[in-house]
């Protein structure tokens, strides 16, 4: 998948979520054997420890529902810089932490890609689109805004860092969506984001939906950032998350996505977010997430030769 080192960065941010516990996520991923699994698969691994947020600024927004805006902005600034630096040296793997961390990871990666003259694409594996702006959020939990921010929607100016390179909405593919607020639905209707909800997965299967996206990335000589939220998975197999939504991806659907992504050779970075060990069952969810990362970077049930995605695959 990559000859570059895997650079693991902890982002123990939890103030973007509605329930405490995500700050323990980085430790849980490490305890579940993430670094050992990567090394066992032949990768050079550098653990850079946990990112420290920038200093807080006095930030206040007219939307009185917003929670922890100065803290989230401070995290976003620090994570974006860490993402920019690490992506020039290897494959960054961000272990969170709630999904607000992606406001930093995506924008730092987009800055690097733009400087290298490449297109950044995002595969967003989540039950939520996280497409609220600061004006539209009603919960005030800012893990619901990173995609809106990273794609350049209005309303973040003067609060979040200015975007060096907004991600093109048409470069975003969301899979597993099954919980969308009315304001997000209205914004997504004209945004240009590709959305495959769970009904689309049920009706078409993973391959038929993922294949066109990967072909577009390959044709553009692009690179994919994968943002994997625990609640993409069905809570029956991944209970360690504060935003459980029934009807998520199955064990095999999730592994199939990871296996296909590995075959493509197009993935350059990864988020693992919303793991809440306080809600988990004896590390069950953390172990499953590590298992999925192993599939993404090349572990297989059978040792069989793989074919580059740049060749046209045969489907069905």
C-alpha atoms as a PDB file:
ATOM      1  CA  UNK A   1       0.000   0.000   0.000  1.00  0.00           C
ATOM      2  CA  UNK A   2       2.827   2.371   0.859  1.00  0.00           C
ATOM      3  CA  UNK A   3       6.568   2.073   1.331  1.00  0.00           C
ATOM      4  CA  UNK A   4       6.505   5.134   3.548  1.00  0.00           C
ATOM      5  CA  UNK A   5       6.403   4.794   7.340  1.00  0.00           C
ATOM      6  CA  UNK A   6       3.079   4.788   9.149  1.00  0.00           C
ATOM      7  CA  UNK A   7       3.021   7.832  11.415  1.00  0.00           C
ATOM      8  CA  UNK A   8       0.590   7.403  14.304  1.00  0.00           C
ATOM      9  CA  UNK A   9      -0.730  10.568  15.934  1.00  0.00           C
ATOM     10  CA  UNK A  10      -3.056  10.553  18.914  1.00  0.00           C
ATOM     11  CA  UNK A  11      -5.725  13.233  19.087  1.00  0.00           C
ATOM     12  CA  UNK A  12      -7.468  12.835  22.472  1.00  0.00           C
ATOM     13  CA  UNK A  13     -10.127  15.431  21.827  1.00  0.00           C
ATOM     14  CA  UNK A  14     -13.544  14.784  23.342  1.00  0.00           C
ATOM     15  CA  UNK A  15     -15.091  18.240  23.742  1.00  0.00           C
ATOM     16  CA  UNK A  16     -16.623  17.967  20.263  1.00  0.00           C
ATOM     17  CA  UNK A  17     -18.803  15.035  21.319  1.00  0.00           C
ATOM     18  CA  UNK A  18     -21.850  14.860  23.538  1.00  0.00           C
ATOM     19  CA  UNK A  19     -20.463  12.246  25.938  1.00  0.00           C
ATOM     20  CA  UNK A  20     -17.093  12.030  27.703  1.00  0.00           C
ATOM     21  CA  UNK A  21     -14.745   9.141  27.044  1.00  0.00           C
ATOM     22  CA  UNK A  22     -13.282   9.729  23.564  1.00  0.00           C
ATOM     23  CA  UNK A  23     -10.151  11.180  25.108  1.00  0.00           C
ATOM     24  CA  UNK A  24      -9.261   7.611  26.107  1.00  0.00           C
ATOM     25  CA  UNK A  25      -9.445   6.466  22.478  1.00  0.00           C
ATOM     26  CA  UNK A  26      -5.754   6.863  21.563  1.00  0.00           C
ATOM     27  CA  UNK A  27      -4.688   4.773  24.549  1.00  0.00           C
ATOM     28  CA  UNK A  28      -7.275   2.117  23.686  1.00  0.00           C
ATOM     29  CA  UNK A  29      -6.043   1.839  20.093  1.00  0.00           C
ATOM     30  CA  UNK A  30      -2.470   1.466  21.274  1.00  0.00           C
ATOM     31  CA  UNK A  31      -3.478  -1.099  23.905  1.00  0.00           C
ATOM     32  CA  UNK A  32      -5.456  -3.036  21.277  1.00  0.00           C
ATOM     33  CA  UNK A  33      -2.235  -3.557  19.348  1.00  0.00           C
ATOM     34  CA  UNK A  34      -2.454  -1.078  16.487  1.00  0.00           C
ATOM     35  CA  UNK A  35       1.282  -0.405  16.300  1.00  0.00           C
ATOM     36  CA  UNK A  36       2.182  -4.080  16.704  1.00  0.00           C
ATOM     37  CA  UNK A  37      -0.246  -5.086  13.941  1.00  0.00           C
ATOM     38  CA  UNK A  38       1.245  -2.548  11.535  1.00  0.00           C
ATOM     39  CA  UNK A  39       4.777  -3.707  12.303  1.00  0.00           C
ATOM     40  CA  UNK A  40       3.801  -7.371  11.932  1.00  0.00           C
ATOM     41  CA  UNK A  41       2.608  -6.541   8.425  1.00  0.00           C
ATOM     42  CA  UNK A  42       6.018  -5.185   7.519  1.00  0.00           C
ATOM     43  CA  UNK A  43       5.514  -1.469   8.007  1.00  0.00           C
ATOM     44  CA  UNK A  44       7.888   0.943   9.640  1.00  0.00           C
ATOM     45  CA  UNK A  45       5.894   2.656  12.381  1.00  0.00           C
ATOM     46  CA  UNK A  46       6.559   5.917  14.176  1.00  0.00           C
ATOM     47  CA  UNK A  47       4.344   6.786  17.129  1.00  0.00           C
ATOM     48  CA  UNK A  48       4.536  10.534  17.631  1.00  0.00           C
ATOM     49  CA  UNK A  49       2.453  10.410  20.777  1.00  0.00           C
ATOM     50  CA  UNK A  50      -0.522  12.662  21.347  1.00  0.00           C
ATOM     51  CA  UNK A  51      -0.995  16.044  19.711  1.00  0.00           C
ATOM     52  CA  UNK A  52      -1.282  18.985  22.102  1.00  0.00           C
ATOM     53  CA  UNK A  53      -3.850  21.669  21.210  1.00  0.00           C
ATOM     54  CA  UNK A  54      -2.805  25.256  20.594  1.00  0.00           C
ATOM     55  CA  UNK A  55      -3.460  28.001  23.108  1.00  0.00           C
ATOM     56  CA  UNK A  56      -7.096  29.018  23.541  1.00  0.00           C
ATOM     57  CA  UNK A  57      -8.417  32.244  22.079  1.00  0.00           C
ATOM     58  CA  UNK A  58     -11.502  34.135  23.208  1.00  0.00           C
ATOM     59  CA  UNK A  59     -14.019  33.040  20.572  1.00  0.00           C
ATOM     60  CA  UNK A  60     -17.760  33.563  20.898  1.00  0.00           C
ATOM     61  CA  UNK A  61     -20.442  32.805  18.351  1.00  0.00           C
ATOM     62  CA  UNK A  62     -24.024  34.127  18.130  1.00  0.00           C
ATOM     63  CA  UNK A  63     -25.315  30.538  18.161  1.00  0.00           C
ATOM     64  CA  UNK A  64     -25.645  30.032  21.905  1.00  0.00           C
ATOM     65  CA  UNK A  65     -25.893  26.252  21.496  1.00  0.00           C
ATOM     66  CA  UNK A  66     -22.256  25.905  20.419  1.00  0.00           C
ATOM     67  CA  UNK A  67     -20.054  24.169  22.964  1.00  0.00           C
ATOM     68  CA  UNK A  68     -16.288  24.436  23.413  1.00  0.00           C
ATOM     69  CA  UNK A  69     -15.594  26.564  20.331  1.00  0.00           C
ATOM     70  CA  UNK A  70     -12.202  27.869  21.556  1.00  0.00           C
ATOM     71  CA  UNK A  71     -11.097  24.336  22.429  1.00  0.00           C
ATOM     72  CA  UNK A  72     -12.138  22.840  19.089  1.00  0.00           C
ATOM     73  CA  UNK A  73     -10.428  25.634  17.162  1.00  0.00           C
ATOM     74  CA  UNK A  74      -7.246  25.098  19.193  1.00  0.00           C
ATOM     75  CA  UNK A  75      -7.343  21.371  18.403  1.00  0.00           C
ATOM     76  CA  UNK A  76      -8.048  22.054  14.725  1.00  0.00           C
ATOM     77  CA  UNK A  77      -5.033  24.347  14.418  1.00  0.00           C
ATOM     78  CA  UNK A  78      -2.683  21.838  16.045  1.00  0.00           C
ATOM     79  CA  UNK A  79      -3.995  18.786  14.199  1.00  0.00           C
ATOM     80  CA  UNK A  80      -3.900  20.568  10.833  1.00  0.00           C
ATOM     81  CA  UNK A  81      -0.236  21.434  11.299  1.00  0.00           C
ATOM     82  CA  UNK A  82       0.581  17.895  12.463  1.00  0.00           C
ATOM     83  CA  UNK A  83      -1.254  16.469   9.449  1.00  0.00           C
ATOM     84  CA  UNK A  84       0.592  18.745   7.055  1.00  0.00           C
ATOM     85  CA  UNK A  85       3.985  17.809   8.495  1.00  0.00           C
ATOM     86  CA  UNK A  86       3.346  14.060   8.787  1.00  0.00           C
ATOM     87  CA  UNK A  87       1.870  13.722   5.297  1.00  0.00           C
ATOM     88  CA  UNK A  88       5.158  14.926   3.852  1.00  0.00           C
ATOM     89  CA  UNK A  89       7.020  12.140   5.631  1.00  0.00           C
ATOM     90  CA  UNK A  90       4.748   9.093   5.605  1.00  0.00           C
ATOM     91  CA  UNK A  91       1.206   7.813   5.968  1.00  0.00           C
ATOM     92  CA  UNK A  92      -0.489   9.629   8.863  1.00  0.00           C
ATOM     93  CA  UNK A  93      -2.899   7.610  11.006  1.00  0.00           C
ATOM     94  CA  UNK A  94      -4.894   9.782  13.390  1.00  0.00           C
ATOM     95  CA  UNK A  95      -6.298   7.962  16.411  1.00  0.00           C
ATOM     96  CA  UNK A  96      -9.018   9.824  18.253  1.00  0.00           C
ATOM     97  CA  UNK A  97     -10.796  11.328  19.800  1.00  0.00           C
ATOM     98  CA  UNK A  98     -14.119  12.519  18.417  1.00  0.00           C
ATOM     99  CA  UNK A  99     -14.778  13.338  14.765  1.00  0.00           C
ATOM    100  CA  UNK A 100     -14.030  17.033  15.232  1.00  0.00           C
ATOM    101  CA  UNK A 101     -10.383  16.021  14.796  1.00  0.00           C
ATOM    102  CA  UNK A 102     -11.067  15.593  11.066  1.00  0.00           C
ATOM    103  CA  UNK A 103     -11.470  19.353  10.711  1.00  0.00           C
ATOM    104  CA  UNK A 104      -7.729  19.463  11.300  1.00  0.00           C
ATOM    105  CA  UNK A 105      -6.599  16.260   9.623  1.00  0.00           C
ATOM    106  CA  UNK A 106      -8.468  16.896   6.359  1.00  0.00           C
ATOM    107  CA  UNK A 107      -7.410  20.519   6.019  1.00  0.00           C
ATOM    108  CA  UNK A 108      -3.756  19.805   6.796  1.00  0.00           C
ATOM    109  CA  UNK A 109      -3.738  16.966   4.287  1.00  0.00           C
ATOM    110  CA  UNK A 110      -5.482  19.118   1.670  1.00  0.00           C
ATOM    111  CA  UNK A 111      -2.802  21.779   2.076  1.00  0.00           C
ATOM    112  CA  UNK A 112      -0.067  19.185   1.488  1.00  0.00           C
ATOM    113  CA  UNK A 113      -1.855  17.684  -1.529  1.00  0.00           C
ATOM    114  CA  UNK A 114      -2.340  21.114  -3.103  1.00  0.00           C
ATOM    115  CA  UNK A 115       1.345  21.921  -2.719  1.00  0.00           C
ATOM    116  CA  UNK A 116       2.213  18.630  -4.403  1.00  0.00           C
ATOM    117  CA  UNK A 117      -0.222  19.306  -7.243  1.00  0.00           C
ATOM    118  CA  UNK A 118      -2.484  16.379  -6.353  1.00  0.00           C
ATOM    119  CA  UNK A 119      -6.199  16.045  -5.729  1.00  0.00           C
ATOM    120  CA  UNK A 120      -7.240  15.011  -2.215  1.00  0.00           C
ATOM    121  CA  UNK A 121     -10.283  12.747  -2.082  1.00  0.00           C
ATOM    122  CA  UNK A 122     -12.082  11.717   1.105  1.00  0.00           C
ATOM    123  CA  UNK A 123     -13.891   8.458   1.798  1.00  0.00           C
ATOM    124  CA  UNK A 124     -16.137   9.290   4.748  1.00  0.00           C
ATOM    125  CA  UNK A 125     -17.308   6.139   6.548  1.00  0.00           C
ATOM    126  CA  UNK A 126     -19.846   7.356   9.070  1.00  0.00           C
ATOM    127  CA  UNK A 127     -23.509   7.214   9.982  1.00  0.00           C
ATOM    128  CA  UNK A 128     -23.554  11.044   9.980  1.00  0.00           C
ATOM    129  CA  UNK A 129     -22.414  13.462   7.259  1.00  0.00           C
ATOM    130  CA  UNK A 130     -21.109  16.017   9.812  1.00  0.00           C
ATOM    131  CA  UNK A 131     -22.213  18.749   7.435  1.00  0.00           C
ATOM    132  CA  UNK A 132     -23.478  21.339   9.908  1.00  0.00           C
ATOM    133  CA  UNK A 133     -22.115  24.870   9.983  1.00  0.00           C
ATOM    134  CA  UNK A 134     -21.701  26.942  13.126  1.00  0.00           C
ATOM    135  CA  UNK A 135     -25.052  28.538  12.334  1.00  0.00           C
ATOM    136  CA  UNK A 136     -27.047  25.361  11.724  1.00  0.00           C
ATOM    137  CA  UNK A 137     -25.902  23.096  14.563  1.00  0.00           C
ATOM    138  CA  UNK A 138     -28.632  22.663  17.142  1.00  0.00           C
ATOM    139  CA  UNK A 139     -26.805  20.243  19.426  1.00  0.00           C
ATOM    140  CA  UNK A 140     -23.781  22.525  19.588  1.00  0.00           C
ATOM    141  CA  UNK A 141     -21.480  19.497  19.474  1.00  0.00           C
ATOM    142  CA  UNK A 142     -18.773  20.416  16.990  1.00  0.00           C
ATOM    143  CA  UNK A 143     -17.985  16.863  15.902  1.00  0.00           C
ATOM    144  CA  UNK A 144     -20.888  17.583  13.569  1.00  0.00           C
ATOM    145  CA  UNK A 145     -19.134  20.294  11.500  1.00  0.00           C
ATOM    146  CA  UNK A 146     -15.771  19.047  10.121  1.00  0.00           C
ATOM    147  CA  UNK A 147     -16.908  18.151   6.612  1.00  0.00           C
ATOM    148  CA  UNK A 148     -18.802  21.400   6.148  1.00  0.00           C
ATOM    149  CA  UNK A 149     -15.723  23.317   7.268  1.00  0.00           C
ATOM    150  CA  UNK A 150     -13.198  21.366   5.192  1.00  0.00           C
ATOM    151  CA  UNK A 151     -15.242  21.749   2.000  1.00  0.00           C
ATOM    152  CA  UNK A 152     -15.436  25.508   2.416  1.00  0.00           C
ATOM    153  CA  UNK A 153     -19.027  26.133   3.461  1.00  0.00           C
ATOM    154  CA  UNK A 154     -19.638  29.657   4.704  1.00  0.00           C
ATOM    155  CA  UNK A 155     -19.869  30.621   8.350  1.00  0.00           C
ATOM    156  CA  UNK A 156     -16.521  29.462   9.718  1.00  0.00           C
ATOM    157  CA  UNK A 157     -14.621  32.627   8.810  1.00  0.00           C
ATOM    158  CA  UNK A 158     -13.178  34.443  11.789  1.00  0.00           C
ATOM    159  CA  UNK A 159     -13.458  31.381  13.990  1.00  0.00           C
ATOM    160  CA  UNK A 160     -11.768  28.356  12.418  1.00  0.00           C
ATOM    161  CA  UNK A 161      -8.422  28.668  10.599  1.00  0.00           C
ATOM    162  CA  UNK A 162      -8.589  29.986   7.046  1.00  0.00           C
ATOM    163  CA  UNK A 163      -8.445  27.150   4.511  1.00  0.00           C
ATOM    164  CA  UNK A 164      -5.286  26.900   2.439  1.00  0.00           C
ATOM    165  CA  UNK A 165      -7.003  24.438   0.084  1.00  0.00           C
ATOM    166  CA  UNK A 166     -10.713  23.646   0.530  1.00  0.00           C
ATOM    167  CA  UNK A 167     -11.612  20.083  -0.401  1.00  0.00           C
ATOM    168  CA  UNK A 168     -13.802  19.906  -3.474  1.00  0.00           C
ATOM    169  CA  UNK A 169     -17.213  18.523  -2.446  1.00  0.00           C
ATOM    170  CA  UNK A 170     -17.252  16.328  -5.563  1.00  0.00           C
ATOM    171  CA  UNK A 171     -14.092  14.672  -4.200  1.00  0.00           C
ATOM    172  CA  UNK A 172     -15.988  13.410  -1.151  1.00  0.00           C
ATOM    173  CA  UNK A 173     -17.731  10.034  -1.038  1.00  0.00           C
ATOM    174  CA  UNK A 174     -19.810   9.218   2.040  1.00  0.00           C
ATOM    175  CA  UNK A 175     -20.808   5.642   2.800  1.00  0.00           C
ATOM    176  CA  UNK A 176     -23.009   4.226   5.536  1.00  0.00           C
ATOM    177  CA  UNK A 177     -25.000   7.408   6.118  1.00  0.00           C
ATOM    178  CA  UNK A 178     -28.226   6.848   8.064  1.00  0.00           C
ATOM    179  CA  UNK A 179     -28.708   9.849  10.362  1.00  0.00           C
ATOM    180  CA  UNK A 180     -29.022  13.265   8.703  1.00  0.00           C
ATOM    181  CA  UNK A 181     -30.479  16.441  10.194  1.00  0.00           C
ATOM    182  CA  UNK A 182     -32.816  18.600   8.041  1.00  0.00           C
ATOM    183  CA  UNK A 183     -30.275  21.425   7.762  1.00  0.00           C
ATOM    184  CA  UNK A 184     -27.587  19.003   6.615  1.00  0.00           C
ATOM    185  CA  UNK A 185     -29.959  17.422   4.125  1.00  0.00           C
ATOM    186  CA  UNK A 186     -30.683  20.819   2.589  1.00  0.00           C
ATOM    187  CA  UNK A 187     -26.997  21.703   2.316  1.00  0.00           C
ATOM    188  CA  UNK A 188     -26.031  18.332   0.867  1.00  0.00           C
ATOM    189  CA  UNK A 189     -28.738  18.554  -1.786  1.00  0.00           C
ATOM    190  CA  UNK A 190     -26.675  21.094  -3.740  1.00  0.00           C
ATOM    191  CA  UNK A 191     -23.161  20.477  -2.425  1.00  0.00           C
ATOM    192  CA  UNK A 192     -22.039  17.848  -4.928  1.00  0.00           C
ATOM    193  CA  UNK A 193     -20.981  15.261  -2.346  1.00  0.00           C
ATOM    194  CA  UNK A 194     -21.535  11.616  -3.327  1.00  0.00           C
ATOM    195  CA  UNK A 195     -23.660   9.913  -0.663  1.00  0.00           C
ATOM    196  CA  UNK A 196     -24.331   6.200  -0.365  1.00  0.00           C
ATOM    197  CA  UNK A 197     -26.630   5.581   2.570  1.00  0.00           C
ATOM    198  CA  UNK A 198     -27.229   2.164   4.084  1.00  0.00           C
ATOM    199  CA  UNK A 199     -30.173   1.524   1.775  1.00  0.00           C
ATOM    200  CA  UNK A 200     -27.884   2.030  -1.225  1.00  0.00           C
ATOM    201  CA  UNK A 201     -25.438  -0.449   0.281  1.00  0.00           C
ATOM    202  CA  UNK A 202     -28.257  -2.930   0.914  1.00  0.00           C
ATOM    203  CA  UNK A 203     -29.575  -2.623  -2.644  1.00  0.00           C
ATOM    204  CA  UNK A 204     -26.292  -2.439  -4.581  1.00  0.00           C
ATOM    205  CA  UNK A 205     -23.538  -3.890  -2.428  1.00  0.00           C
ATOM    206  CA  UNK A 206     -20.183  -2.368  -1.559  1.00  0.00           C
ATOM    207  CA  UNK A 207     -18.273  -3.035  -4.794  1.00  0.00           C
ATOM    208  CA  UNK A 208     -20.725  -1.371  -7.170  1.00  0.00           C
ATOM    209  CA  UNK A 209     -20.718   1.800  -5.043  1.00  0.00           C
ATOM    210  CA  UNK A 210     -17.031   2.029  -4.220  1.00  0.00           C
ATOM    211  CA  UNK A 211     -15.750   1.137  -7.696  1.00  0.00           C
ATOM    212  CA  UNK A 212     -16.747   4.398  -9.497  1.00  0.00           C
ATOM    213  CA  UNK A 213     -15.213   6.503  -6.738  1.00  0.00           C
ATOM    214  CA  UNK A 214     -11.893   4.690  -6.912  1.00  0.00           C
ATOM    215  CA  UNK A 215     -11.854   4.998 -10.700  1.00  0.00           C
ATOM    216  CA  UNK A 216     -12.310   8.772 -10.392  1.00  0.00           C
ATOM    217  CA  UNK A 217      -9.475   9.007  -7.888  1.00  0.00           C
ATOM    218  CA  UNK A 218      -7.161   6.926 -10.094  1.00  0.00           C
ATOM    219  CA  UNK A 219      -8.035   8.969 -13.186  1.00  0.00           C
ATOM    220  CA  UNK A 220      -7.177  12.187 -11.347  1.00  0.00           C
ATOM    221  CA  UNK A 221      -3.943  10.736  -9.944  1.00  0.00           C
ATOM    222  CA  UNK A 222      -5.452  11.571  -6.577  1.00  0.00           C
ATOM    223  CA  UNK A 223      -4.894  10.345  -3.057  1.00  0.00           C
ATOM    224  CA  UNK A 224      -7.573   9.189  -0.612  1.00  0.00           C
ATOM    225  CA  UNK A 225      -7.984  10.126   3.016  1.00  0.00           C
ATOM    226  CA  UNK A 226     -10.173   7.586   4.804  1.00  0.00           C
ATOM    227  CA  UNK A 227     -12.121   8.861   7.799  1.00  0.00           C
ATOM    228  CA  UNK A 228     -13.543   5.897   9.708  1.00  0.00           C
ATOM    229  CA  UNK A 229     -16.053   6.600  12.476  1.00  0.00           C
ATOM    230  CA  UNK A 230     -16.929   3.762  14.844  1.00  0.00           C
ATOM    231  CA  UNK A 231     -20.623   4.449  14.271  1.00  0.00           C
ATOM    232  CA  UNK A 232     -20.229   3.509  10.604  1.00  0.00           C
ATOM    233  CA  UNK A 233     -20.381  -0.017  11.999  1.00  0.00           C
ATOM    234  CA  UNK A 234     -23.484  -1.634  13.362  1.00  0.00           C
ATOM    235  CA  UNK A 235     -23.594  -1.171  17.163  1.00  0.00           C
ATOM    236  CA  UNK A 236     -24.138  -4.907  17.500  1.00  0.00           C
ATOM    237  CA  UNK A 237     -20.484  -5.429  16.572  1.00  0.00           C
ATOM    238  CA  UNK A 238     -19.076  -2.061  17.690  1.00  0.00           C
ATOM    239  CA  UNK A 239     -20.773  -0.817  20.867  1.00  0.00           C
ATOM    240  CA  UNK A 240     -17.953   1.487  22.002  1.00  0.00           C
ATOM    241  CA  UNK A 241     -19.305   4.750  20.637  1.00  0.00           C
ATOM    242  CA  UNK A 242     -21.479   7.504  22.051  1.00  0.00           C
ATOM    243  CA  UNK A 243     -23.588   7.974  18.900  1.00  0.00           C
ATOM    244  CA  UNK A 244     -24.900   4.491  18.158  1.00  0.00           C
ATOM    245  CA  UNK A 245     -27.236   4.314  15.168  1.00  0.00           C
ATOM    246  CA  UNK A 246     -28.809   0.912  14.385  1.00  0.00           C
ATOM    247  CA  UNK A 247     -28.437  -0.648  10.964  1.00  0.00           C
ATOM    248  CA  UNK A 248     -24.761   0.011  10.307  1.00  0.00           C
ATOM    249  CA  UNK A 249     -22.176  -1.827   8.247  1.00  0.00           C
ATOM    250  CA  UNK A 250     -21.571  -5.486   8.982  1.00  0.00           C
ATOM    251  CA  UNK A 251     -18.220  -7.073   9.798  1.00  0.00           C
ATOM    252  CA  UNK A 252     -17.782  -8.341   6.245  1.00  0.00           C
ATOM    253  CA  UNK A 253     -18.974  -5.141   4.552  1.00  0.00           C
ATOM    254  CA  UNK A 254     -16.433  -3.124   6.529  1.00  0.00           C
ATOM    255  CA  UNK A 255     -13.605  -5.555   5.832  1.00  0.00           C
ATOM    256  CA  UNK A 256     -14.484  -5.686   2.143  1.00  0.00           C
ATOM    257  CA  UNK A 257     -14.163  -1.906   1.907  1.00  0.00           C
ATOM    258  CA  UNK A 258     -10.760  -2.059   3.556  1.00  0.00           C
ATOM    259  CA  UNK A 259      -9.565  -4.902   1.335  1.00  0.00           C
ATOM    260  CA  UNK A 260     -10.655  -3.081  -1.834  1.00  0.00           C
ATOM    261  CA  UNK A 261      -8.973   0.106  -0.635  1.00  0.00           C
ATOM    262  CA  UNK A 262      -5.749  -1.775  -0.081  1.00  0.00           C
ATOM    263  CA  UNK A 263      -5.926  -3.251  -3.578  1.00  0.00           C
ATOM    264  CA  UNK A 264      -6.380   0.233  -5.024  1.00  0.00           C
ATOM    265  CA  UNK A 265      -3.082   1.558  -3.679  1.00  0.00           C
ATOM    266  CA  UNK A 266      -4.718   4.981  -3.424  1.00  0.00           C
ATOM    267  CA  UNK A 267      -4.986   5.548   0.326  1.00  0.00           C
ATOM    268  CA  UNK A 268      -2.543   8.000   1.843  1.00  0.00           C
ATOM    269  CA  UNK A 269      -3.938   8.687   5.317  1.00  0.00           C
ATOM    270  CA  UNK A 270      -6.511   7.539   7.854  1.00  0.00           C
ATOM    271  CA  UNK A 271      -8.680   8.793  10.729  1.00  0.00           C
ATOM    272  CA  UNK A 272      -9.976   6.419  13.416  1.00  0.00           C
ATOM    273  CA  UNK A 273     -12.546   8.341  15.419  1.00  0.00           C
ATOM    274  CA  UNK A 274     -15.290   8.269  18.051  1.00  0.00           C
ATOM    275  CA  UNK A 275     -14.009   5.227  19.935  1.00  0.00           C
ATOM    276  CA  UNK A 276     -15.265   5.580  23.499  1.00  0.00           C
ATOM    277  CA  UNK A 277     -13.611   2.889  25.636  1.00  0.00           C
ATOM    278  CA  UNK A 278     -15.884   3.773  28.566  1.00  0.00           C
ATOM    279  CA  UNK A 279     -18.815   2.415  26.522  1.00  0.00           C
ATOM    280  CA  UNK A 280     -16.996  -0.562  25.030  1.00  0.00           C
ATOM    281  CA  UNK A 281     -17.201  -4.216  26.043  1.00  0.00           C
ATOM    282  CA  UNK A 282     -13.774  -5.565  27.103  1.00  0.00           C
ATOM    283  CA  UNK A 283     -12.043  -3.759  24.219  1.00  0.00           C
ATOM    284  CA  UNK A 284     -14.270  -5.361  21.603  1.00  0.00           C
ATOM    285  CA  UNK A 285     -14.681  -2.250  19.454  1.00  0.00           C
ATOM    286  CA  UNK A 286     -11.044  -1.204  19.667  1.00  0.00           C
ATOM    287  CA  UNK A 287      -9.931  -4.674  18.563  1.00  0.00           C
ATOM    288  CA  UNK A 288     -12.349  -4.621  15.624  1.00  0.00           C
ATOM    289  CA  UNK A 289     -11.103  -1.205  14.493  1.00  0.00           C
ATOM    290  CA  UNK A 290      -7.501  -2.425  14.633  1.00  0.00           C
ATOM    291  CA  UNK A 291      -8.569  -5.487  12.653  1.00  0.00           C
ATOM    292  CA  UNK A 292     -10.027  -3.204   9.971  1.00  0.00           C
ATOM    293  CA  UNK A 293      -6.819  -1.185   9.796  1.00  0.00           C
ATOM    294  CA  UNK A 294      -4.938  -4.441   9.251  1.00  0.00           C
ATOM    295  CA  UNK A 295      -7.171  -5.215   6.273  1.00  0.00           C
ATOM    296  CA  UNK A 296      -6.615  -1.709   4.928  1.00  0.00           C
ATOM    297  CA  UNK A 297      -2.851  -2.115   4.977  1.00  0.00           C
ATOM    298  CA  UNK A 298      -2.795  -5.585   3.491  1.00  0.00           C
ATOM    299  CA  UNK A 299      -3.633  -8.429   5.849  1.00  0.00           C
ATOM    300  CA  UNK A 300      -5.553 -11.193   4.071  1.00  0.00           C
ATOM    301  CA  UNK A 301      -7.208 -14.444   4.996  1.00  0.00           C
ATOM    302  CA  UNK A 302      -5.478 -16.105   2.045  1.00  0.00           C
ATOM    303  CA  UNK A 303      -2.101 -15.148   0.719  1.00  0.00           C
ATOM    304  CA  UNK A 304      -3.073 -14.503  -2.861  1.00  0.00           C
ATOM    305  CA  UNK A 305      -1.695 -12.054  -5.419  1.00  0.00           C
ATOM    306  CA  UNK A 306      -3.510  -8.745  -5.714  1.00  0.00           C
ATOM    307  CA  UNK A 307      -4.183  -6.653  -8.786  1.00  0.00           C
ATOM    308  CA  UNK A 308      -3.624  -2.940  -8.914  1.00  0.00           C
ATOM    309  CA  UNK A 309      -6.821  -0.954  -9.090  1.00  0.00           C
ATOM    310  CA  UNK A 310      -5.387   0.933 -12.028  1.00  0.00           C
ATOM    311  CA  UNK A 311      -6.352  -2.072 -14.112  1.00  0.00           C
ATOM    312  CA  UNK A 312     -10.041  -2.417 -14.877  1.00  0.00           C
ATOM    313  CA  UNK A 313     -11.568  -4.955 -12.458  1.00  0.00           C
ATOM    314  CA  UNK A 314     -14.145  -7.525 -13.437  1.00  0.00           C
ATOM    315  CA  UNK A 315     -17.324  -7.136 -11.416  1.00  0.00           C
ATOM    316  CA  UNK A 316     -20.109  -9.665 -11.196  1.00  0.00           C
END
